[in-house]
Amino acid sequence: MRTANPTLNSRTFEQAGYGTGTAGMTINGTVNKVGILLLLLIVPAAWVWNKALTAWDPAEVGTLVIGGVVGGLVLAIATVIKKQWAPVTAPLYAMAQGLYLGGLSAWIHMSYKGIVIQAVALTFGTLFALLFAYRSGLIRATENFKLGIVAATGAIFMVYLVSMVLRLVGVGGIPMIHDGGTVGILFSVFVVAIAALNLVLDFDFIEQGAEHGAPKYMEWYAAFGLMVTLIWLYVEILRLLMKLQSRD
């Protein structure tokens, strides 16, 4: 089982061991956990969004956003290292990301009216469309498909890493890919497509884990992994929409 999602790698279920009978992981159980994590993300996100727009000052929620980013990173690392903690760390991760996404979305809304709602709709529309395509067999997670997505995801990660390092040393990042020009838009379209296709790999990974009876706590871990992909997809869609609107 290969997946480009760093939280759901090919050895995740092997390292966790396998459960038996009703005590094992199920698809329905994982779906329920995804719903809980989404709710735990939405509540703090809505609170920070309202706080930012009421004050109409980005600095009003700056500390919350930074806390969400740092807390989310620490909790994500802890969850990956100690998967048995997922029933506790995954909900905390969702709440931390809610703080981050609520503030980020509010800041973007102040400059680009309407694109936050568009990004949310496109994210969930993509999720359900790909889930339907996967369940109906229109898209199959073959080994070649998985290899391609893994390679593309790794390439994107390296591009972002190099760009971040260049910014830190004062070079200004990789030219053109972050602006609203044709190259920047095409790059964002590519990244959005790869982020979306990672959902297919996640669906397949969750299905395989359920079929092999992975331990029950892996429902929380698998839901956490899917949330990582969804958050990445939402942020990339926001970037693409900002680039498109900046051309108007």
C-alpha atoms as a PDB file:
ATOM      1  CA  MET A   1       0.000   0.000   0.000  1.00  0.00           C
ATOM      2  CA  ARG A   2       1.738   3.139  -1.214  1.00  0.00           C
ATOM      3  CA  THR A   3       0.519   6.665  -0.557  1.00  0.00           C
ATOM      4  CA  ALA A   4       2.089  10.078  -1.038  1.00  0.00           C
ATOM      5  CA  ASN A   5       0.541  11.322   2.197  1.00  0.00           C
ATOM      6  CA  PRO A   6       3.457  11.394   4.682  1.00  0.00           C
ATOM      7  CA  THR A   7       1.112  10.429   7.520  1.00  0.00           C
ATOM      8  CA  LEU A   8      -0.107   7.335   5.653  1.00  0.00           C
ATOM      9  CA  ASN A   9       2.968   5.643   4.265  1.00  0.00           C
ATOM     10  CA  SER A  10       3.243   2.102   2.973  1.00  0.00           C
ATOM     11  CA  ARG A  11       4.269   0.638   6.346  1.00  0.00           C
ATOM     12  CA  THR A  12       1.753   2.420   8.568  1.00  0.00           C
ATOM     13  CA  PHE A  13      -0.614  -0.482   9.109  1.00  0.00           C
ATOM     14  CA  GLU A  14       2.224  -3.011   9.234  1.00  0.00           C
ATOM     15  CA  GLN A  15       3.868  -1.044  12.044  1.00  0.00           C
ATOM     16  CA  ALA A  16       0.564  -0.731  13.881  1.00  0.00           C
ATOM     17  CA  GLY A  17      -0.200  -4.430  13.650  1.00  0.00           C
ATOM     18  CA  TYR A  18      -3.535  -5.957  12.733  1.00  0.00           C
ATOM     19  CA  GLY A  19      -6.685  -6.356  14.730  1.00  0.00           C
ATOM     20  CA  THR A  20      -9.309  -9.064  14.535  1.00  0.00           C
ATOM     21  CA  GLY A  21     -13.090  -9.205  14.459  1.00  0.00           C
ATOM     22  CA  THR A  22     -15.199  -6.284  15.610  1.00  0.00           C
ATOM     23  CA  ALA A  23     -12.235  -4.704  17.407  1.00  0.00           C
ATOM     24  CA  GLY A  24     -10.575  -3.891  14.095  1.00  0.00           C
ATOM     25  CA  MET A  25     -10.688  -0.771  11.961  1.00  0.00           C
ATOM     26  CA  THR A  26     -13.734  -0.269   9.699  1.00  0.00           C
ATOM     27  CA  ILE A  27     -14.506   2.138   6.869  1.00  0.00           C
ATOM     28  CA  ASN A  28     -17.680   3.388   8.588  1.00  0.00           C
ATOM     29  CA  GLY A  29     -15.746   3.968  11.788  1.00  0.00           C
ATOM     30  CA  THR A  30     -13.121   5.958   9.912  1.00  0.00           C
ATOM     31  CA  VAL A  31     -15.782   8.031   8.147  1.00  0.00           C
ATOM     32  CA  ASN A  32     -17.326   8.855  11.534  1.00  0.00           C
ATOM     33  CA  LYS A  33     -13.935   9.934  12.842  1.00  0.00           C
ATOM     34  CA  VAL A  34     -13.422  12.166   9.788  1.00  0.00           C
ATOM     35  CA  GLY A  35     -16.779  13.826  10.541  1.00  0.00           C
ATOM     36  CA  ILE A  36     -15.756  14.443  14.150  1.00  0.00           C
ATOM     37  CA  LEU A  37     -12.427  15.950  13.106  1.00  0.00           C
ATOM     38  CA  LEU A  38     -14.140  18.216  10.584  1.00  0.00           C
ATOM     39  CA  LEU A  39     -16.501  19.475  13.286  1.00  0.00           C
ATOM     40  CA  LEU A  40     -13.609  20.060  15.677  1.00  0.00           C
ATOM     41  CA  LEU A  41     -11.849  22.045  12.944  1.00  0.00           C
ATOM     42  CA  ILE A  42     -14.865  24.098  11.888  1.00  0.00           C
ATOM     43  CA  VAL A  43     -15.826  25.330  15.388  1.00  0.00           C
ATOM     44  CA  PRO A  44     -12.519  27.100  16.231  1.00  0.00           C
ATOM     45  CA  ALA A  45     -12.167  28.216  12.607  1.00  0.00           C
ATOM     46  CA  ALA A  46     -15.561  29.936  12.763  1.00  0.00           C
ATOM     47  CA  TRP A  47     -14.675  31.528  16.107  1.00  0.00           C
ATOM     48  CA  VAL A  48     -11.361  32.941  14.850  1.00  0.00           C
ATOM     49  CA  TRP A  49     -13.014  34.038  11.570  1.00  0.00           C
ATOM     50  CA  ASN A  50     -15.682  35.972  13.490  1.00  0.00           C
ATOM     51  CA  LYS A  51     -13.106  37.458  15.863  1.00  0.00           C
ATOM     52  CA  ALA A  52     -10.925  38.676  12.984  1.00  0.00           C
ATOM     53  CA  LEU A  53     -13.755  40.154  10.930  1.00  0.00           C
ATOM     54  CA  THR A  54     -15.403  41.801  13.938  1.00  0.00           C
ATOM     55  CA  ALA A  55     -12.192  43.674  14.723  1.00  0.00           C
ATOM     56  CA  TRP A  56     -11.357  43.941  10.996  1.00  0.00           C
ATOM     57  CA  ASP A  57      -7.725  43.708  12.024  1.00  0.00           C
ATOM     58  CA  PRO A  58      -5.469  40.770  11.044  1.00  0.00           C
ATOM     59  CA  ALA A  59      -3.250  41.406  14.067  1.00  0.00           C
ATOM     60  CA  GLU A  60      -6.215  40.622  16.319  1.00  0.00           C
ATOM     61  CA  VAL A  61      -5.853  36.900  15.652  1.00  0.00           C
ATOM     62  CA  GLY A  62      -2.152  36.703  14.811  1.00  0.00           C
ATOM     63  CA  THR A  63      -1.224  34.923  18.043  1.00  0.00           C
ATOM     64  CA  LEU A  64      -4.012  32.378  17.562  1.00  0.00           C
ATOM     65  CA  VAL A  65      -2.897  31.642  14.003  1.00  0.00           C
ATOM     66  CA  ILE A  66       0.743  31.191  15.022  1.00  0.00           C
ATOM     67  CA  GLY A  67      -0.345  28.997  17.912  1.00  0.00           C
ATOM     68  CA  GLY A  68      -2.447  26.922  15.514  1.00  0.00           C
ATOM     69  CA  VAL A  69       0.455  26.476  13.091  1.00  0.00           C
ATOM     70  CA  VAL A  70       3.006  25.529  15.750  1.00  0.00           C
ATOM     71  CA  GLY A  71       0.568  23.418  17.748  1.00  0.00           C
ATOM     72  CA  GLY A  72      -0.674  21.653  14.630  1.00  0.00           C
ATOM     73  CA  LEU A  73       2.880  20.834  13.537  1.00  0.00           C
ATOM     74  CA  VAL A  74       3.845  19.462  16.961  1.00  0.00           C
ATOM     75  CA  LEU A  75       0.660  17.392  17.203  1.00  0.00           C
ATOM     76  CA  ALA A  76       1.065  16.081  13.655  1.00  0.00           C
ATOM     77  CA  ILE A  77       4.612  14.931  14.366  1.00  0.00           C
ATOM     78  CA  ALA A  78       3.513  13.334  17.658  1.00  0.00           C
ATOM     79  CA  THR A  79       0.667  11.518  15.883  1.00  0.00           C
ATOM     80  CA  VAL A  80       2.946  10.162  13.162  1.00  0.00           C
ATOM     81  CA  ILE A  81       5.568   8.996  15.670  1.00  0.00           C
ATOM     82  CA  LYS A  82       3.094   7.508  18.166  1.00  0.00           C
ATOM     83  CA  LYS A  83       0.038   6.344  16.247  1.00  0.00           C
ATOM     84  CA  GLN A  84      -1.591   4.946  19.386  1.00  0.00           C
ATOM     85  CA  TRP A  85      -2.024   8.534  20.560  1.00  0.00           C
ATOM     86  CA  ALA A  86      -4.202   9.386  17.551  1.00  0.00           C
ATOM     87  CA  PRO A  87      -7.540   9.219  19.477  1.00  0.00           C
ATOM     88  CA  VAL A  88      -6.242  12.186  21.510  1.00  0.00           C
ATOM     89  CA  THR A  89      -3.774  13.965  19.243  1.00  0.00           C
ATOM     90  CA  ALA A  90      -5.905  13.854  16.069  1.00  0.00           C
ATOM     91  CA  PRO A  91      -8.796  15.867  17.625  1.00  0.00           C
ATOM     92  CA  LEU A  92      -6.293  18.324  19.117  1.00  0.00           C
ATOM     93  CA  TYR A  93      -4.627  18.641  15.706  1.00  0.00           C
ATOM     94  CA  ALA A  94      -7.983  19.403  14.085  1.00  0.00           C
ATOM     95  CA  MET A  95      -8.702  22.154  16.618  1.00  0.00           C
ATOM     96  CA  ALA A  96      -5.232  23.669  16.171  1.00  0.00           C
ATOM     97  CA  GLN A  97      -5.663  23.679  12.401  1.00  0.00           C
ATOM     98  CA  GLY A  98      -9.045  25.297  12.889  1.00  0.00           C
ATOM     99  CA  LEU A  99      -7.331  28.264  14.555  1.00  0.00           C
ATOM    100  CA  TYR A 100      -4.864  28.497  11.677  1.00  0.00           C
ATOM    101  CA  LEU A 101      -7.378  28.108   8.855  1.00  0.00           C
ATOM    102  CA  GLY A 102      -9.896  30.445  10.475  1.00  0.00           C
ATOM    103  CA  GLY A 103      -7.340  33.241  10.713  1.00  0.00           C
ATOM    104  CA  LEU A 104      -5.837  32.564   7.291  1.00  0.00           C
ATOM    105  CA  SER A 105      -9.269  32.514   5.658  1.00  0.00           C
ATOM    106  CA  ALA A 106     -10.295  35.748   7.373  1.00  0.00           C
ATOM    107  CA  TRP A 107      -7.129  37.531   6.235  1.00  0.00           C
ATOM    108  CA  ILE A 108      -7.655  36.392   2.663  1.00  0.00           C
ATOM    109  CA  HIS A 109     -11.336  37.377   2.769  1.00  0.00           C
ATOM    110  CA  MET A 110     -10.349  40.935   3.688  1.00  0.00           C
ATOM    111  CA  SER A 111      -8.446  41.291   0.403  1.00  0.00           C
ATOM    112  CA  TYR A 112     -10.229  38.806  -1.875  1.00  0.00           C
ATOM    113  CA  LYS A 113     -13.957  38.847  -1.251  1.00  0.00           C
ATOM    114  CA  GLY A 114     -15.808  35.621  -1.911  1.00  0.00           C
ATOM    115  CA  ILE A 115     -12.946  33.246  -2.624  1.00  0.00           C
ATOM    116  CA  VAL A 116     -13.024  31.577   0.802  1.00  0.00           C
ATOM    117  CA  ILE A 117     -16.540  30.256   0.197  1.00  0.00           C
ATOM    118  CA  GLN A 118     -15.484  29.207  -3.297  1.00  0.00           C
ATOM    119  CA  ALA A 119     -12.449  27.369  -1.899  1.00  0.00           C
ATOM    120  CA  VAL A 120     -14.533  25.535   0.711  1.00  0.00           C
ATOM    121  CA  ALA A 121     -17.083  24.500  -1.917  1.00  0.00           C
ATOM    122  CA  LEU A 122     -14.379  23.356  -4.346  1.00  0.00           C
ATOM    123  CA  THR A 123     -12.573  21.396  -1.624  1.00  0.00           C
ATOM    124  CA  PHE A 124     -15.629  19.423  -0.560  1.00  0.00           C
ATOM    125  CA  GLY A 125     -16.846  19.137  -4.144  1.00  0.00           C
ATOM    126  CA  THR A 126     -13.495  17.609  -5.083  1.00  0.00           C
ATOM    127  CA  LEU A 127     -13.618  15.264  -2.082  1.00  0.00           C
ATOM    128  CA  PHE A 128     -17.050  13.880  -2.936  1.00  0.00           C
ATOM    129  CA  ALA A 129     -16.379  13.740  -6.682  1.00  0.00           C
ATOM    130  CA  LEU A 130     -13.199  11.723  -6.199  1.00  0.00           C
ATOM    131  CA  LEU A 131     -14.849   9.507  -3.597  1.00  0.00           C
ATOM    132  CA  PHE A 132     -17.600   8.735  -6.107  1.00  0.00           C
ATOM    133  CA  ALA A 133     -15.049   8.120  -8.861  1.00  0.00           C
ATOM    134  CA  TYR A 134     -13.076   5.805  -6.586  1.00  0.00           C
ATOM    135  CA  ARG A 135     -16.067   3.845  -5.318  1.00  0.00           C
ATOM    136  CA  SER A 136     -17.511   3.478  -8.823  1.00  0.00           C
ATOM    137  CA  GLY A 137     -14.201   2.281 -10.260  1.00  0.00           C
ATOM    138  CA  LEU A 138     -13.696   5.250 -12.584  1.00  0.00           C
ATOM    139  CA  ILE A 139     -10.356   5.874 -10.880  1.00  0.00           C
ATOM    140  CA  ARG A 140      -8.263   2.944  -9.712  1.00  0.00           C
ATOM    141  CA  ALA A 141      -5.294   3.205  -7.382  1.00  0.00           C
ATOM    142  CA  THR A 142      -2.984   1.033  -9.476  1.00  0.00           C
ATOM    143  CA  GLU A 143       0.695   0.738  -8.640  1.00  0.00           C
ATOM    144  CA  ASN A 144       1.680   2.988 -11.562  1.00  0.00           C
ATOM    145  CA  PHE A 145      -0.911   5.570 -10.476  1.00  0.00           C
ATOM    146  CA  LYS A 146       0.454   5.495  -6.925  1.00  0.00           C
ATOM    147  CA  LEU A 147       4.049   5.808  -8.119  1.00  0.00           C
ATOM    148  CA  GLY A 148       3.160   8.828 -10.239  1.00  0.00           C
ATOM    149  CA  ILE A 149       1.363  10.631  -7.428  1.00  0.00           C
ATOM    150  CA  VAL A 150       4.102   9.845  -4.927  1.00  0.00           C
ATOM    151  CA  ALA A 151       6.752  11.205  -7.310  1.00  0.00           C
ATOM    152  CA  ALA A 152       4.759  14.353  -8.108  1.00  0.00           C
ATOM    153  CA  THR A 153       4.025  15.023  -4.430  1.00  0.00           C
ATOM    154  CA  GLY A 154       7.692  14.624  -3.586  1.00  0.00           C
ATOM    155  CA  ALA A 155       8.646  17.042  -6.354  1.00  0.00           C
ATOM    156  CA  ILE A 156       6.176  19.644  -5.074  1.00  0.00           C
ATOM    157  CA  PHE A 157       7.542  19.268  -1.562  1.00  0.00           C
ATOM    158  CA  MET A 158      11.095  19.839  -2.826  1.00  0.00           C
ATOM    159  CA  VAL A 159      10.039  22.925  -4.793  1.00  0.00           C
ATOM    160  CA  TYR A 160       8.356  24.414  -1.711  1.00  0.00           C
ATOM    161  CA  LEU A 161      11.338  23.513   0.466  1.00  0.00           C
ATOM    162  CA  VAL A 162      13.824  25.143  -1.914  1.00  0.00           C
ATOM    163  CA  SER A 163      11.599  28.197  -2.232  1.00  0.00           C
ATOM    164  CA  MET A 164      11.361  28.514   1.559  1.00  0.00           C
ATOM    165  CA  VAL A 165      15.130  28.238   1.972  1.00  0.00           C
ATOM    166  CA  LEU A 166      15.697  30.859  -0.727  1.00  0.00           C
ATOM    167  CA  ARG A 167      13.292  33.224   1.021  1.00  0.00           C
ATOM    168  CA  LEU A 168      15.065  32.695   4.344  1.00  0.00           C
ATOM    169  CA  VAL A 169      18.419  33.652   2.816  1.00  0.00           C
ATOM    170  CA  GLY A 170      16.901  36.712   1.160  1.00  0.00           C
ATOM    171  CA  VAL A 171      16.850  35.528  -2.462  1.00  0.00           C
ATOM    172  CA  GLY A 172      13.082  35.823  -2.747  1.00  0.00           C
ATOM    173  CA  GLY A 173      12.069  32.284  -3.604  1.00  0.00           C
ATOM    174  CA  ILE A 174      11.682  30.530  -6.943  1.00  0.00           C
ATOM    175  CA  PRO A 175      10.573  33.126  -9.526  1.00  0.00           C
ATOM    176  CA  MET A 176       7.149  33.111 -11.225  1.00  0.00           C
ATOM    177  CA  ILE A 177       5.534  30.150  -9.438  1.00  0.00           C
ATOM    178  CA  HIS A 178       4.099  32.303  -6.642  1.00  0.00           C
ATOM    179  CA  ASP A 179       2.764  35.207  -8.717  1.00  0.00           C
ATOM    180  CA  GLY A 180      -0.396  35.595 -10.768  1.00  0.00           C
ATOM    181  CA  GLY A 181       1.242  35.098 -14.144  1.00  0.00           C
ATOM    182  CA  THR A 182       0.626  32.181 -16.475  1.00  0.00           C
ATOM    183  CA  VAL A 183       3.451  30.098 -14.996  1.00  0.00           C
ATOM    184  CA  GLY A 184       2.239  30.704 -11.454  1.00  0.00           C
ATOM    185  CA  ILE A 185      -1.346  29.766 -12.297  1.00  0.00           C
ATOM    186  CA  LEU A 186      -0.325  26.619 -14.174  1.00  0.00           C
ATOM    187  CA  PHE A 187       1.873  25.609 -11.247  1.00  0.00           C
ATOM    188  CA  SER A 188      -1.023  26.055  -8.807  1.00  0.00           C
ATOM    189  CA  VAL A 189      -3.363  24.068 -11.078  1.00  0.00           C
ATOM    190  CA  PHE A 190      -0.817  21.246 -11.100  1.00  0.00           C
ATOM    191  CA  VAL A 191      -0.431  21.321  -7.308  1.00  0.00           C
ATOM    192  CA  VAL A 192      -4.208  21.352  -6.762  1.00  0.00           C
ATOM    193  CA  ALA A 193      -4.563  18.362  -9.096  1.00  0.00           C
ATOM    194  CA  ILE A 194      -1.882  16.378  -7.262  1.00  0.00           C
ATOM    195  CA  ALA A 195      -3.334  17.277  -3.853  1.00  0.00           C
ATOM    196  CA  ALA A 196      -6.741  16.112  -5.056  1.00  0.00           C
ATOM    197  CA  LEU A 197      -5.391  12.838  -6.432  1.00  0.00           C
ATOM    198  CA  ASN A 198      -3.747  12.158  -3.082  1.00  0.00           C
ATOM    199  CA  LEU A 199      -7.302  11.706  -1.797  1.00  0.00           C
ATOM    200  CA  VAL A 200      -7.647   8.653  -4.044  1.00  0.00           C
ATOM    201  CA  LEU A 201      -4.542   7.137  -2.502  1.00  0.00           C
ATOM    202  CA  ASP A 202      -5.892   7.901   0.964  1.00  0.00           C
ATOM    203  CA  PHE A 203      -9.229   6.223   0.144  1.00  0.00           C
ATOM    204  CA  ASP A 204      -7.401   3.145  -1.059  1.00  0.00           C
ATOM    205  CA  PHE A 205      -5.161   3.105   1.989  1.00  0.00           C
ATOM    206  CA  ILE A 206      -8.127   3.335   4.372  1.00  0.00           C
ATOM    207  CA  GLU A 207      -9.961   0.581   2.502  1.00  0.00           C
ATOM    208  CA  GLN A 208      -6.923  -1.692   2.653  1.00  0.00           C
ATOM    209  CA  GLY A 209      -6.488  -1.052   6.356  1.00  0.00           C
ATOM    210  CA  ALA A 210     -10.127  -1.935   7.043  1.00  0.00           C
ATOM    211  CA  GLU A 211      -9.892  -5.094   4.945  1.00  0.00           C
ATOM    212  CA  HIS A 212      -6.850  -6.255   6.905  1.00  0.00           C
ATOM    213  CA  GLY A 213      -8.416  -5.469  10.277  1.00  0.00           C
ATOM    214  CA  ALA A 214      -5.982  -2.832  11.507  1.00  0.00           C
ATOM    215  CA  PRO A 215      -6.307  -1.868  15.213  1.00  0.00           C
ATOM    216  CA  LYS A 216      -9.319   0.267  16.135  1.00  0.00           C
ATOM    217  CA  TYR A 217      -7.239   3.329  17.002  1.00  0.00           C
ATOM    218  CA  MET A 218      -6.081   3.391  13.378  1.00  0.00           C
ATOM    219  CA  GLU A 219      -9.501   4.806  12.466  1.00  0.00           C
ATOM    220  CA  TRP A 220      -8.413   8.019  14.185  1.00  0.00           C
ATOM    221  CA  TYR A 221      -5.011   7.877  12.544  1.00  0.00           C
ATOM    222  CA  ALA A 222      -6.449   7.271   9.075  1.00  0.00           C
ATOM    223  CA  ALA A 223      -8.960  10.102   9.591  1.00  0.00           C
ATOM    224  CA  PHE A 224      -6.072  12.342  10.646  1.00  0.00           C
ATOM    225  CA  GLY A 225      -4.189  11.444   7.461  1.00  0.00           C
ATOM    226  CA  LEU A 226      -7.183  12.287   5.298  1.00  0.00           C
ATOM    227  CA  MET A 227      -7.552  15.623   7.120  1.00  0.00           C
ATOM    228  CA  VAL A 228      -3.927  16.459   6.301  1.00  0.00           C
ATOM    229  CA  THR A 229      -4.687  16.005   2.597  1.00  0.00           C
ATOM    230  CA  LEU A 230      -7.944  17.998   2.778  1.00  0.00           C
ATOM    231  CA  ILE A 231      -6.244  20.923   4.522  1.00  0.00           C
ATOM    232  CA  TRP A 232      -3.455  20.917   1.940  1.00  0.00           C
ATOM    233  CA  LEU A 233      -6.019  20.853  -0.875  1.00  0.00           C
ATOM    234  CA  TYR A 234      -8.003  23.753   0.630  1.00  0.00           C
ATOM    235  CA  VAL A 235      -4.895  25.935   1.058  1.00  0.00           C
ATOM    236  CA  GLU A 236      -3.738  25.213  -2.504  1.00  0.00           C
ATOM    237  CA  ILE A 237      -7.182  26.042  -3.911  1.00  0.00           C
ATOM    238  CA  LEU A 238      -7.078  29.326  -2.000  1.00  0.00           C
ATOM    239  CA  ARG A 239      -3.697  30.123  -3.569  1.00  0.00           C
ATOM    240  CA  LEU A 240      -4.983  29.352  -7.042  1.00  0.00           C
ATOM    241  CA  LEU A 241      -8.102  31.492  -6.596  1.00  0.00           C
ATOM    242  CA  MET A 242      -6.022  34.399  -5.277  1.00  0.00           C
ATOM    243  CA  LYS A 243      -3.768  34.230  -8.333  1.00  0.00           C
ATOM    244  CA  LEU A 244      -6.764  34.163 -10.667  1.00  0.00           C
ATOM    245  CA  GLN A 245      -8.460  37.088  -8.924  1.00  0.00           C
ATOM    246  CA  SER A 246      -5.250  39.131  -8.923  1.00  0.00           C
ATOM    247  CA  ARG A 247      -5.321  39.049 -12.739  1.00  0.00           C
ATOM    248  CA  ASP A 248      -8.757  40.728 -12.911  1.00  0.00           C
END
